[in-house]
């Protein structure tokens, strides 16, 4: 137990020494705060149409300008933060649950169970993610919940492979053998003994996965298959900017920068966590 605490303490100190990672983590926290306090931050209704003010450039009244329907882009960006983070966290939560369960079974039992599961993983990984997302969404009702579920069920393979590898490395360790000798069942050994020691690399994968999920949602919304209008999303704001690129540069600039900064921040935090958890760096 003392060894685990010392490892966690070491990892925390190493992460805190990475200034770029701390800045990125601060950006993520800022986005979470913006999402939580969106109604307080916004002075305008993100859904209100005002054709008299359509396509106004950024000014004192509309900080990020307005779109083709006169809606406040700043308010839509703020509320779009809610949707992007919600989709990122929940979709990766779904992917994590599937990946952890499937990977645990493959790594713990091995043999035919492992072979069948790995073949399934390889088949899923053969399909390009975006085409698979488009194919699934085409046959399902267009909604935020649908997007979260579809992204979740297409991004579990990497987590499953990580968990499988960790289970293979840990399943013959002394503490596992001791649990078996004492009569512990398979579920207890998997979830109480092995999984807590195998979960660390998954945290890194989840961090990268959230960035990927946000990017996937933005791409789907940009193509018209994502968040249904009039719900605000960085992707569909970007899509409206494509249609008015000669008249309203701000419709492309602000959502594009938001996507870039958010995805980059998650990736930088993920890289810092990976370096902190890497035993070869100790």
Protein backbone atom coordinates (compact mmCIF):
# COMPACT_ATOMS: atom_id res chain seq x y z
CA UNK A 1 0.00 0.00 0.00
CA UNK A 2 2.84 2.35 0.93
CA UNK A 3 4.47 1.62 -2.43
CA UNK A 4 1.27 2.59 -4.28
CA UNK A 5 1.05 5.86 -2.37
CA UNK A 6 4.68 6.69 -3.17
CA UNK A 7 4.07 5.95 -6.88
CA UNK A 8 0.99 8.19 -6.94
CA UNK A 9 2.92 10.91 -5.11
CA UNK A 10 5.75 10.66 -7.65
CA UNK A 11 3.36 10.80 -10.60
CA UNK A 12 1.54 13.82 -9.15
CA UNK A 13 4.78 15.73 -8.57
CA UNK A 14 6.00 14.94 -12.08
CA UNK A 15 2.73 16.11 -13.62
CA UNK A 16 2.76 19.33 -11.57
CA UNK A 17 6.26 20.14 -12.85
CA UNK A 18 4.99 20.22 -16.45
CA UNK A 19 3.99 23.87 -16.96
CA UNK A 20 2.43 23.29 -20.38
CA UNK A 21 0.28 20.49 -18.97
CA UNK A 22 -0.82 22.71 -16.06
CA UNK A 23 -1.81 25.51 -18.45
CA UNK A 24 -3.73 22.99 -20.57
CA UNK A 25 -5.42 21.59 -17.48
CA UNK A 26 -6.33 25.16 -16.47
CA UNK A 27 -7.94 25.71 -19.89
CA UNK A 28 -10.01 22.54 -19.44
CA UNK A 29 -11.14 23.69 -15.98
CA UNK A 30 -12.03 27.09 -17.44
CA UNK A 31 -14.17 25.41 -20.12
CA UNK A 32 -15.93 23.35 -17.43
CA UNK A 33 -16.68 26.53 -15.45
CA UNK A 34 -17.99 28.22 -18.62
CA UNK A 35 -20.26 25.23 -19.31
CA UNK A 36 -21.62 25.16 -15.74
CA UNK A 37 -22.30 28.90 -15.52
CA UNK A 38 -23.45 29.41 -19.12
CA UNK A 39 -26.82 31.03 -18.17
CA UNK A 40 -25.00 33.59 -15.99
CA UNK A 41 -22.26 34.34 -18.51
CA UNK A 42 -24.56 34.92 -21.50
CA UNK A 43 -26.45 38.19 -21.83
CA UNK A 44 -28.43 36.97 -24.85
CA UNK A 45 -30.58 33.94 -25.61
CA UNK A 46 -28.61 31.59 -27.91
CA UNK A 47 -31.86 30.50 -29.62
CA UNK A 48 -33.40 33.95 -30.17
CA UNK A 49 -33.72 34.90 -33.85
CA UNK A 50 -33.35 38.59 -34.72
CA UNK A 51 -33.11 39.06 -38.47
CA UNK A 52 -32.50 42.81 -38.07
CA UNK A 53 -29.11 42.03 -36.50
CA UNK A 54 -28.03 39.19 -38.78
CA UNK A 55 -24.35 38.80 -39.71
CA UNK A 56 -23.12 41.63 -37.52
CA UNK A 57 -19.40 41.63 -36.93
CA UNK A 58 -18.06 41.46 -33.34
CA UNK A 59 -19.02 44.56 -31.37
CA UNK A 60 -19.85 45.74 -27.82
CA UNK A 61 -23.34 44.22 -27.97
CA UNK A 62 -22.40 40.95 -29.66
CA UNK A 63 -18.85 40.04 -28.61
CA UNK A 64 -18.48 37.32 -31.27
CA UNK A 65 -20.92 38.84 -33.77
CA UNK A 66 -24.15 37.24 -34.99
CA UNK A 67 -25.04 34.48 -37.44
CA UNK A 68 -27.33 34.48 -40.49
CA UNK A 69 -30.39 34.44 -38.21
CA UNK A 70 -29.21 37.24 -35.93
CA UNK A 71 -28.43 34.88 -33.06
CA UNK A 72 -25.63 35.83 -30.67
CA UNK A 73 -22.57 33.74 -31.58
CA UNK A 74 -20.95 34.29 -28.17
CA UNK A 75 -24.01 32.82 -26.41
CA UNK A 76 -24.09 29.90 -28.85
CA UNK A 77 -20.38 29.28 -28.34
CA UNK A 78 -20.82 29.23 -24.55
CA UNK A 79 -23.77 26.84 -24.71
CA UNK A 80 -21.90 24.83 -27.33
CA UNK A 81 -19.17 24.29 -24.71
CA UNK A 82 -21.75 22.42 -22.63
CA UNK A 83 -22.59 20.09 -25.49
CA UNK A 84 -18.98 19.46 -26.52
CA UNK A 85 -17.83 18.59 -22.98
CA UNK A 86 -20.95 16.54 -22.30
CA UNK A 87 -20.45 14.50 -25.45
CA UNK A 88 -16.73 14.08 -24.73
CA UNK A 89 -17.16 12.88 -21.15
CA UNK A 90 -20.25 10.69 -21.58
CA UNK A 91 -19.18 9.06 -24.85
CA UNK A 92 -15.81 8.15 -23.35
CA UNK A 93 -17.58 6.93 -20.23
CA UNK A 94 -19.54 4.52 -22.43
CA UNK A 95 -16.38 3.52 -24.31
CA UNK A 96 -14.52 2.98 -21.03
CA UNK A 97 -17.19 0.70 -19.59
CA UNK A 98 -17.28 -1.44 -22.74
CA UNK A 99 -13.50 -1.48 -23.14
CA UNK A 100 -12.78 -2.31 -19.50
CA UNK A 101 -15.26 -5.19 -19.39
CA UNK A 102 -14.22 -6.68 -22.74
CA UNK A 103 -10.49 -6.21 -22.14
CA UNK A 104 -10.72 -7.66 -18.62
CA UNK A 105 -12.43 -10.81 -19.88
CA UNK A 106 -9.91 -11.27 -22.68
CA UNK A 107 -6.86 -10.73 -20.50
CA UNK A 108 -8.07 -12.70 -17.48
CA UNK A 109 -9.44 -15.83 -19.12
CA UNK A 110 -7.15 -15.94 -22.17
CA UNK A 111 -7.42 -18.91 -24.53
CA UNK A 112 -10.47 -19.06 -26.80
CA UNK A 113 -12.14 -16.16 -24.98
CA UNK A 114 -9.15 -13.94 -25.72
CA UNK A 115 -8.96 -15.13 -29.34
CA UNK A 116 -12.64 -14.41 -30.07
CA UNK A 117 -12.58 -11.00 -28.39
CA UNK A 118 -9.38 -9.95 -30.17
CA UNK A 119 -10.82 -10.94 -33.54
CA UNK A 120 -13.90 -8.79 -32.79
CA UNK A 121 -11.65 -5.88 -31.80
CA UNK A 122 -9.64 -6.23 -35.01
CA UNK A 123 -12.81 -6.25 -37.13
CA UNK A 124 -14.10 -3.07 -35.46
CA UNK A 125 -10.72 -1.38 -35.87
CA UNK A 126 -10.69 -2.17 -39.60
CA UNK A 127 -13.52 0.30 -40.23
CA UNK A 128 -12.56 4.00 -40.51
CA UNK A 129 -14.09 5.69 -37.47
CA UNK A 130 -15.77 8.58 -39.27
CA UNK A 131 -17.38 6.33 -41.89
CA UNK A 132 -18.57 3.98 -39.16
CA UNK A 133 -20.06 6.92 -37.25
CA UNK A 134 -21.83 8.19 -40.36
CA UNK A 135 -23.18 4.73 -41.18
CA UNK A 136 -24.60 4.22 -37.68
CA UNK A 137 -26.05 7.73 -37.35
CA UNK A 138 -27.75 7.44 -40.75
CA UNK A 139 -30.01 4.69 -39.35
CA UNK A 140 -30.64 6.26 -35.92
CA UNK A 141 -32.63 9.30 -34.76
CA UNK A 142 -30.52 12.46 -34.87
CA UNK A 143 -30.00 13.65 -31.30
CA UNK A 144 -27.26 14.42 -28.79
CA UNK A 145 -27.87 11.11 -26.99
CA UNK A 146 -27.49 9.20 -30.26
CA UNK A 147 -24.15 10.89 -30.95
CA UNK A 148 -22.84 10.07 -27.46
CA UNK A 149 -23.83 6.42 -27.72
CA UNK A 150 -22.50 5.99 -31.26
CA UNK A 151 -19.14 7.63 -30.45
CA UNK A 152 -18.95 5.51 -27.29
CA UNK A 153 -19.50 2.20 -29.10
CA UNK A 154 -16.88 3.03 -31.74
CA UNK A 155 -14.04 4.13 -29.42
CA UNK A 156 -13.76 1.25 -26.93
CA UNK A 157 -11.25 -0.89 -28.80
CA UNK A 158 -8.11 0.97 -27.71
CA UNK A 159 -9.14 0.82 -24.05
CA UNK A 160 -9.94 -2.89 -24.36
CA UNK A 161 -6.47 -3.64 -25.77
CA UNK A 162 -4.78 -1.66 -23.00
CA UNK A 163 -6.74 -3.43 -20.25
CA UNK A 164 -6.10 -6.82 -21.86
CA UNK A 165 -2.36 -6.20 -21.87
CA UNK A 166 -2.36 -5.12 -18.24
CA UNK A 167 -4.41 -8.14 -17.18
CA UNK A 168 -2.05 -10.53 -18.98
CA UNK A 169 0.86 -8.97 -17.10
CA UNK A 170 -0.91 -9.11 -13.71
CA UNK A 171 -3.02 -12.28 -13.74
CA UNK A 172 -0.15 -14.56 -12.60
CA UNK A 173 1.16 -12.23 -9.89
CA UNK A 174 1.37 -13.35 -6.27
CA UNK A 175 -1.57 -11.30 -4.99
CA UNK A 176 -3.84 -12.83 -7.65
CA UNK A 177 -2.70 -16.33 -6.79
CA UNK A 178 -3.31 -15.60 -3.11
CA UNK A 179 -6.86 -14.43 -3.85
CA UNK A 180 -7.55 -17.62 -5.84
CA UNK A 181 -6.15 -19.75 -3.02
CA UNK A 182 -8.50 -18.04 -0.56
CA UNK A 183 -11.46 -18.95 -2.78
CA UNK A 184 -12.22 -15.58 -4.36
CA UNK A 185 -14.48 -15.75 -7.41
CA UNK A 186 -13.58 -14.54 -10.88
CA UNK A 187 -15.57 -11.30 -10.62
CA UNK A 188 -13.96 -10.41 -7.28
CA UNK A 189 -10.46 -11.10 -8.59
CA UNK A 190 -11.10 -9.09 -11.76
CA UNK A 191 -12.73 -6.02 -10.23
CA UNK A 192 -11.24 -5.94 -6.72
CA UNK A 193 -7.69 -7.19 -7.24
CA UNK A 194 -6.50 -6.82 -10.83
CA UNK A 195 -8.48 -3.90 -12.26
CA UNK A 196 -7.38 -1.28 -9.67
CA UNK A 197 -3.76 -2.09 -10.59
CA UNK A 198 -4.48 -2.03 -14.34
CA UNK A 199 -6.55 1.14 -14.63
CA UNK A 200 -3.74 3.73 -14.78
CA UNK A 201 -2.95 3.50 -18.55
CA UNK A 202 -6.68 3.74 -19.27
CA UNK A 203 -6.80 7.24 -17.74
CA UNK A 204 -4.34 8.41 -20.38
CA UNK A 205 -6.36 6.77 -23.15
CA UNK A 206 -9.58 8.36 -21.86
CA UNK A 207 -7.97 11.82 -21.91
CA UNK A 208 -6.97 11.40 -25.55
CA UNK A 209 -10.38 9.86 -26.25
CA UNK A 210 -12.28 12.89 -24.95
CA UNK A 211 -10.35 15.08 -27.38
CA UNK A 212 -11.17 12.64 -30.19
CA UNK A 213 -14.85 12.56 -29.24
CA UNK A 214 -15.10 16.37 -29.26
CA UNK A 215 -13.40 16.44 -32.65
CA UNK A 216 -15.70 13.69 -33.98
CA UNK A 217 -18.83 15.53 -32.80
CA UNK A 218 -17.60 18.76 -34.39
CA UNK A 219 -16.94 16.95 -37.66
CA UNK A 220 -20.36 15.29 -37.66
CA UNK A 221 -22.11 18.57 -36.85
CA UNK A 222 -20.10 20.34 -39.55
CA UNK A 223 -21.35 17.75 -42.06
CA UNK A 224 -24.93 18.09 -40.82
CA UNK A 225 -25.14 14.69 -39.10
CA UNK A 226 -24.34 15.79 -35.56
CA UNK A 227 -26.13 17.99 -33.04
CA UNK A 228 -29.53 18.89 -34.53
CA UNK A 229 -30.29 22.56 -35.07
CA UNK A 230 -31.18 24.87 -33.42
CA UNK A 231 -29.09 23.33 -30.61
CA UNK A 232 -25.79 25.25 -30.51
CA UNK A 233 -22.63 23.29 -31.28
CA UNK A 234 -19.16 24.40 -32.29
CA UNK A 235 -19.49 22.16 -35.33
CA UNK A 236 -22.78 23.56 -36.63
CA UNK A 237 -21.61 27.15 -35.97
CA UNK A 238 -18.60 26.30 -38.11
CA UNK A 239 -20.93 24.89 -40.77
CA UNK A 240 -22.93 28.13 -40.90
CA UNK A 241 -19.62 29.98 -41.29
CA UNK A 242 -18.79 27.85 -44.32
CA UNK A 243 -21.98 29.08 -46.00
CA UNK A 244 -21.17 32.71 -45.19
CA UNK A 245 -17.38 32.66 -45.33
CA UNK A 246 -17.18 35.76 -47.55
CA UNK A 247 -19.44 37.80 -45.26
CA UNK A 248 -18.79 36.53 -41.73
CA UNK A 249 -15.23 35.43 -40.93
CA UNK A 250 -16.08 35.24 -37.23
CA UNK A 251 -18.39 32.26 -37.78
CA UNK A 252 -15.36 30.22 -38.82
CA UNK A 253 -12.71 31.77 -36.57
CA UNK A 254 -14.23 31.49 -33.08
CA UNK A 255 -15.57 27.90 -33.21
CA UNK A 256 -12.44 26.79 -35.08
CA UNK A 257 -10.19 28.25 -32.38
CA UNK A 258 -12.37 26.75 -29.63
CA UNK A 259 -12.09 23.27 -31.17
CA UNK A 260 -8.34 23.66 -31.74
CA UNK A 261 -7.57 24.92 -28.22
CA UNK A 262 -9.79 22.33 -26.51
CA UNK A 263 -8.50 19.33 -28.44
CA UNK A 264 -4.88 20.51 -28.06
CA UNK A 265 -5.33 21.01 -24.30
CA UNK A 266 -6.70 17.50 -23.80
CA UNK A 267 -3.88 16.01 -25.89
CA UNK A 268 -1.21 17.90 -23.95
CA UNK A 269 -2.69 16.77 -20.64
CA UNK A 270 -2.84 13.22 -21.97
CA UNK A 271 0.83 13.33 -23.01
CA UNK A 272 1.83 14.67 -19.58
CA UNK A 273 -0.12 11.91 -17.84
CA UNK A 274 1.48 9.31 -20.11
CA UNK A 275 4.96 10.59 -19.24
CA UNK A 276 4.13 10.68 -15.53
CA UNK A 277 2.76 7.11 -15.55
CA UNK A 278 5.61 5.70 -17.66
CA UNK A 279 7.81 3.60 -15.35
CA UNK A 280 10.77 3.99 -17.68
CA UNK A 281 10.89 7.70 -16.81
CA UNK A 282 11.33 7.05 -13.08
